[in-house]
Amino acid sequence: EFLSVDSTGRYGLTQQAILDAAETANDNSNDDSAAPIVVVDADVELAKKLVRQSGLRLVGVWVGLGSVAEFEQRVENMIDNSEIPIEEDETKQSTLRSKIREIVKEIEFGISSGIFEFTILNDDPSNTDKSLRQLREAAKYVNSE
């Protein structure tokens, strides 16, 4: 059973693939005390599915922007660059509002669900070093439990 399939339908993610990756990471590790860590870039829908899987210890890391205005600017840029299509019966404004409503719902889920233990504010997409350092901190947390 696939937990997620990409937009082309050619690639997918299964629970077994995650378990296999963790086992491979463990086999290749020189540190027997460290738990294997598999990083999955998951949207809210995939995160909900992952929580329901047995055999996985999940540490949820929410990656987002600092404000709705920042999301709005990023979505508007994506619309302008045709990364987000405007449907035939929609306008740029209605598409923007629809996407922002989706984002707000996801933020509300992220806050209320309890599955995200860390938050990383990725306010500068060109500076991933800070986000990666914060992700490493989350990984250390997993191994300290």
C-alpha atoms as a PDB file:
ATOM      1  CA  GLU A   1       0.000   0.000   0.000  1.00  0.00           C
ATOM      2  CA  PHE A   2       1.364   3.382  -1.002  1.00  0.00           C
ATOM      3  CA  LEU A   3       1.253   6.160   1.561  1.00  0.00           C
ATOM      4  CA  SER A   4       2.029   8.746  -1.093  1.00  0.00           C
ATOM      5  CA  VAL A   5       2.443   8.847  -4.862  1.00  0.00           C
ATOM      6  CA  ASP A   6       4.066  11.683  -6.792  1.00  0.00           C
ATOM      7  CA  SER A   7       2.161  13.718  -9.353  1.00  0.00           C
ATOM      8  CA  THR A   8       3.421  11.580 -12.254  1.00  0.00           C
ATOM      9  CA  GLY A   9       2.194   8.370 -10.624  1.00  0.00           C
ATOM     10  CA  ARG A  10       5.614   6.814 -11.178  1.00  0.00           C
ATOM     11  CA  TYR A  11       7.060   7.048  -7.671  1.00  0.00           C
ATOM     12  CA  GLY A  12       5.556   6.303  -4.304  1.00  0.00           C
ATOM     13  CA  LEU A  13       6.341   5.876  -0.640  1.00  0.00           C
ATOM     14  CA  THR A  14       5.435   2.814   1.409  1.00  0.00           C
ATOM     15  CA  GLN A  15       5.803   2.049   5.096  1.00  0.00           C
ATOM     16  CA  GLN A  16       8.116  -0.816   4.170  1.00  0.00           C
ATOM     17  CA  ALA A  17      10.377   1.559   2.225  1.00  0.00           C
ATOM     18  CA  ILE A  18      10.740   3.727   5.334  1.00  0.00           C
ATOM     19  CA  LEU A  19      11.519   0.694   7.516  1.00  0.00           C
ATOM     20  CA  ASP A  20      14.020  -0.581   4.921  1.00  0.00           C
ATOM     21  CA  ALA A  21      15.732   2.833   4.793  1.00  0.00           C
ATOM     22  CA  ALA A  22      16.012   2.870   8.586  1.00  0.00           C
ATOM     23  CA  GLU A  23      17.506  -0.638   8.568  1.00  0.00           C
ATOM     24  CA  THR A  24      20.009   0.346   5.868  1.00  0.00           C
ATOM     25  CA  ALA A  25      20.947   3.471   7.821  1.00  0.00           C
ATOM     26  CA  ASN A  26      21.462   1.324  10.914  1.00  0.00           C
ATOM     27  CA  ASP A  27      23.601  -1.205   8.990  1.00  0.00           C
ATOM     28  CA  ASN A  28      25.798   1.600   7.620  1.00  0.00           C
ATOM     29  CA  SER A  29      26.192   3.391  10.951  1.00  0.00           C
ATOM     30  CA  ASN A  30      29.348   3.159  13.043  1.00  0.00           C
ATOM     31  CA  ASP A  31      27.408   4.292  16.118  1.00  0.00           C
ATOM     32  CA  ASP A  32      25.380   1.381  17.489  1.00  0.00           C
ATOM     33  CA  SER A  33      23.793   3.588  20.159  1.00  0.00           C
ATOM     34  CA  ALA A  34      22.164   5.940  17.645  1.00  0.00           C
ATOM     35  CA  ALA A  35      18.703   5.135  16.390  1.00  0.00           C
ATOM     36  CA  PRO A  36      18.425   5.135  12.597  1.00  0.00           C
ATOM     37  CA  ILE A  37      16.859   8.305  11.264  1.00  0.00           C
ATOM     38  CA  VAL A  38      14.899   8.593   8.054  1.00  0.00           C
ATOM     39  CA  VAL A  39      13.803  12.052   6.949  1.00  0.00           C
ATOM     40  CA  VAL A  40      10.547  12.171   5.004  1.00  0.00           C
ATOM     41  CA  ASP A  41       9.384  15.417   3.411  1.00  0.00           C
ATOM     42  CA  ALA A  42       5.684  15.048   4.130  1.00  0.00           C
ATOM     43  CA  ASP A  43       2.719  17.287   3.573  1.00  0.00           C
ATOM     44  CA  VAL A  44      -0.097  17.254   6.126  1.00  0.00           C
ATOM     45  CA  GLU A  45      -1.972  14.396   4.406  1.00  0.00           C
ATOM     46  CA  LEU A  46       1.116  12.164   4.380  1.00  0.00           C
ATOM     47  CA  ALA A  47       1.917  13.100   7.988  1.00  0.00           C
ATOM     48  CA  LYS A  48      -1.577  11.931   9.003  1.00  0.00           C
ATOM     49  CA  LYS A  49      -0.953   8.589   7.269  1.00  0.00           C
ATOM     50  CA  LEU A  50       2.496   8.169   8.816  1.00  0.00           C
ATOM     51  CA  VAL A  51       1.103   8.648  12.320  1.00  0.00           C
ATOM     52  CA  ARG A  52      -1.229   5.683  11.751  1.00  0.00           C
ATOM     53  CA  GLN A  53       1.619   3.335  10.748  1.00  0.00           C
ATOM     54  CA  SER A  54       2.932   0.865  13.301  1.00  0.00           C
ATOM     55  CA  GLY A  55       6.624   0.214  13.774  1.00  0.00           C
ATOM     56  CA  LEU A  56       7.659   3.815  13.212  1.00  0.00           C
ATOM     57  CA  ARG A  57       8.853   6.301  15.826  1.00  0.00           C
ATOM     58  CA  LEU A  58       7.987   9.670  14.365  1.00  0.00           C
ATOM     59  CA  VAL A  59       9.343  13.052  15.284  1.00  0.00           C
ATOM     60  CA  GLY A  60       7.261  15.634  13.521  1.00  0.00           C
ATOM     61  CA  VAL A  61       9.073  18.757  12.345  1.00  0.00           C
ATOM     62  CA  TRP A  62       6.828  21.507  11.011  1.00  0.00           C
ATOM     63  CA  VAL A  63       8.607  23.662   8.448  1.00  0.00           C
ATOM     64  CA  GLY A  64       6.871  26.880   7.578  1.00  0.00           C
ATOM     65  CA  LEU A  65       7.060  30.623   7.307  1.00  0.00           C
ATOM     66  CA  GLY A  66       6.682  33.170  10.075  1.00  0.00           C
ATOM     67  CA  SER A  67       3.389  34.719   8.985  1.00  0.00           C
ATOM     68  CA  VAL A  68       0.409  34.281   6.703  1.00  0.00           C
ATOM     69  CA  ALA A  69       1.585  37.381   4.801  1.00  0.00           C
ATOM     70  CA  GLU A  70       4.822  35.545   3.946  1.00  0.00           C
ATOM     71  CA  PHE A  71       2.832  32.539   2.725  1.00  0.00           C
ATOM     72  CA  GLU A  72       0.629  34.862   0.708  1.00  0.00           C
ATOM     73  CA  GLN A  73       3.643  36.489  -0.965  1.00  0.00           C
ATOM     74  CA  ARG A  74       5.197  33.110  -1.759  1.00  0.00           C
ATOM     75  CA  VAL A  75       1.932  31.733  -3.196  1.00  0.00           C
ATOM     76  CA  GLU A  76       1.424  34.888  -5.257  1.00  0.00           C
ATOM     77  CA  ASN A  77       4.935  34.488  -6.695  1.00  0.00           C
ATOM     78  CA  MET A  78       4.181  30.837  -7.504  1.00  0.00           C
ATOM     79  CA  ILE A  79       0.993  31.872  -9.313  1.00  0.00           C
ATOM     80  CA  ASP A  80       2.888  34.561 -11.236  1.00  0.00           C
ATOM     81  CA  ASN A  81       5.533  31.992 -12.236  1.00  0.00           C
ATOM     82  CA  SER A  82       2.839  29.481 -13.313  1.00  0.00           C
ATOM     83  CA  GLU A  83       3.910  27.019 -10.599  1.00  0.00           C
ATOM     84  CA  ILE A  84       0.312  27.138  -9.378  1.00  0.00           C
ATOM     85  CA  PRO A  85      -2.142  27.128 -12.270  1.00  0.00           C
ATOM     86  CA  ILE A  86      -5.223  29.324 -12.315  1.00  0.00           C
ATOM     87  CA  GLU A  87      -8.235  27.193 -13.203  1.00  0.00           C
ATOM     88  CA  GLU A  88     -10.391  28.321 -16.114  1.00  0.00           C
ATOM     89  CA  ASP A  89     -13.290  29.533 -13.954  1.00  0.00           C
ATOM     90  CA  GLU A  90     -11.012  31.165 -11.341  1.00  0.00           C
ATOM     91  CA  THR A  91      -9.089  34.429 -11.023  1.00  0.00           C
ATOM     92  CA  LYS A  92      -5.636  35.026  -9.612  1.00  0.00           C
ATOM     93  CA  GLN A  93      -7.235  36.457  -6.462  1.00  0.00           C
ATOM     94  CA  SER A  94      -9.628  33.529  -5.945  1.00  0.00           C
ATOM     95  CA  THR A  95      -6.790  31.041  -6.490  1.00  0.00           C
ATOM     96  CA  LEU A  96      -4.631  32.925  -4.002  1.00  0.00           C
ATOM     97  CA  ARG A  97      -7.425  33.011  -1.404  1.00  0.00           C
ATOM     98  CA  SER A  98      -8.113  29.297  -1.894  1.00  0.00           C
ATOM     99  CA  LYS A  99      -4.452  28.375  -1.388  1.00  0.00           C
ATOM    100  CA  ILE A 100      -4.185  30.593   1.694  1.00  0.00           C
ATOM    101  CA  ARG A 101      -7.288  28.923   3.188  1.00  0.00           C
ATOM    102  CA  GLU A 102      -5.626  25.527   2.630  1.00  0.00           C
ATOM    103  CA  ILE A 103      -2.420  26.749   4.272  1.00  0.00           C
ATOM    104  CA  VAL A 104      -4.296  28.141   7.292  1.00  0.00           C
ATOM    105  CA  LYS A 105      -6.100  24.795   7.722  1.00  0.00           C
ATOM    106  CA  GLU A 106      -2.750  22.992   7.589  1.00  0.00           C
ATOM    107  CA  ILE A 107      -1.254  25.393  10.150  1.00  0.00           C
ATOM    108  CA  GLU A 108      -4.251  24.835  12.441  1.00  0.00           C
ATOM    109  CA  PHE A 109      -3.762  21.074  12.096  1.00  0.00           C
ATOM    110  CA  GLY A 110      -0.045  21.432  12.793  1.00  0.00           C
ATOM    111  CA  ILE A 111      -0.747  23.348  15.983  1.00  0.00           C
ATOM    112  CA  SER A 112      -3.619  21.236  17.287  1.00  0.00           C
ATOM    113  CA  SER A 113      -2.620  17.710  16.215  1.00  0.00           C
ATOM    114  CA  GLY A 114       0.272  17.208  18.583  1.00  0.00           C
ATOM    115  CA  ILE A 115       2.305  15.289  15.991  1.00  0.00           C
ATOM    116  CA  PHE A 116       4.771  18.101  15.328  1.00  0.00           C
ATOM    117  CA  GLU A 117       7.329  18.359  18.108  1.00  0.00           C
ATOM    118  CA  PHE A 118       9.506  20.999  16.445  1.00  0.00           C
ATOM    119  CA  THR A 119       8.911  24.035  14.289  1.00  0.00           C
ATOM    120  CA  ILE A 120      11.420  25.418  11.821  1.00  0.00           C
ATOM    121  CA  LEU A 121      10.703  28.815  10.329  1.00  0.00           C
ATOM    122  CA  ASN A 122      12.159  28.750   6.844  1.00  0.00           C
ATOM    123  CA  ASP A 123      11.815  32.440   6.096  1.00  0.00           C
ATOM    124  CA  ASP A 124      14.780  32.547   3.715  1.00  0.00           C
ATOM    125  CA  PRO A 125      14.628  29.707   1.173  1.00  0.00           C
ATOM    126  CA  SER A 126      18.122  30.571  -0.068  1.00  0.00           C
ATOM    127  CA  ASN A 127      19.603  29.949   3.422  1.00  0.00           C
ATOM    128  CA  THR A 128      18.976  26.287   4.133  1.00  0.00           C
ATOM    129  CA  ASP A 129      21.925  25.976   6.551  1.00  0.00           C
ATOM    130  CA  LYS A 130      19.863  27.296   9.467  1.00  0.00           C
ATOM    131  CA  SER A 131      16.995  24.883   8.715  1.00  0.00           C
ATOM    132  CA  LEU A 132      19.401  21.953   8.415  1.00  0.00           C
ATOM    133  CA  ARG A 133      21.034  22.821  11.755  1.00  0.00           C
ATOM    134  CA  GLN A 134      17.591  22.885  13.368  1.00  0.00           C
ATOM    135  CA  LEU A 135      16.741  19.547  11.761  1.00  0.00           C
ATOM    136  CA  ARG A 136      19.960  18.055  13.167  1.00  0.00           C
ATOM    137  CA  GLU A 137      18.893  19.268  16.610  1.00  0.00           C
ATOM    138  CA  ALA A 138      15.604  17.431  16.180  1.00  0.00           C
ATOM    139  CA  ALA A 139      17.526  14.288  15.209  1.00  0.00           C
ATOM    140  CA  LYS A 140      19.652  14.563  18.352  1.00  0.00           C
ATOM    141  CA  TYR A 141      16.430  14.688  20.345  1.00  0.00           C
ATOM    142  CA  VAL A 142      15.355  11.350  18.871  1.00  0.00           C
ATOM    143  CA  ASN A 143      18.609   9.701  19.905  1.00  0.00           C
ATOM    144  CA  SER A 144      18.493  11.128  23.418  1.00  0.00           C
ATOM    145  CA  GLU A 145      15.134   9.533  24.278  1.00  0.00           C
END
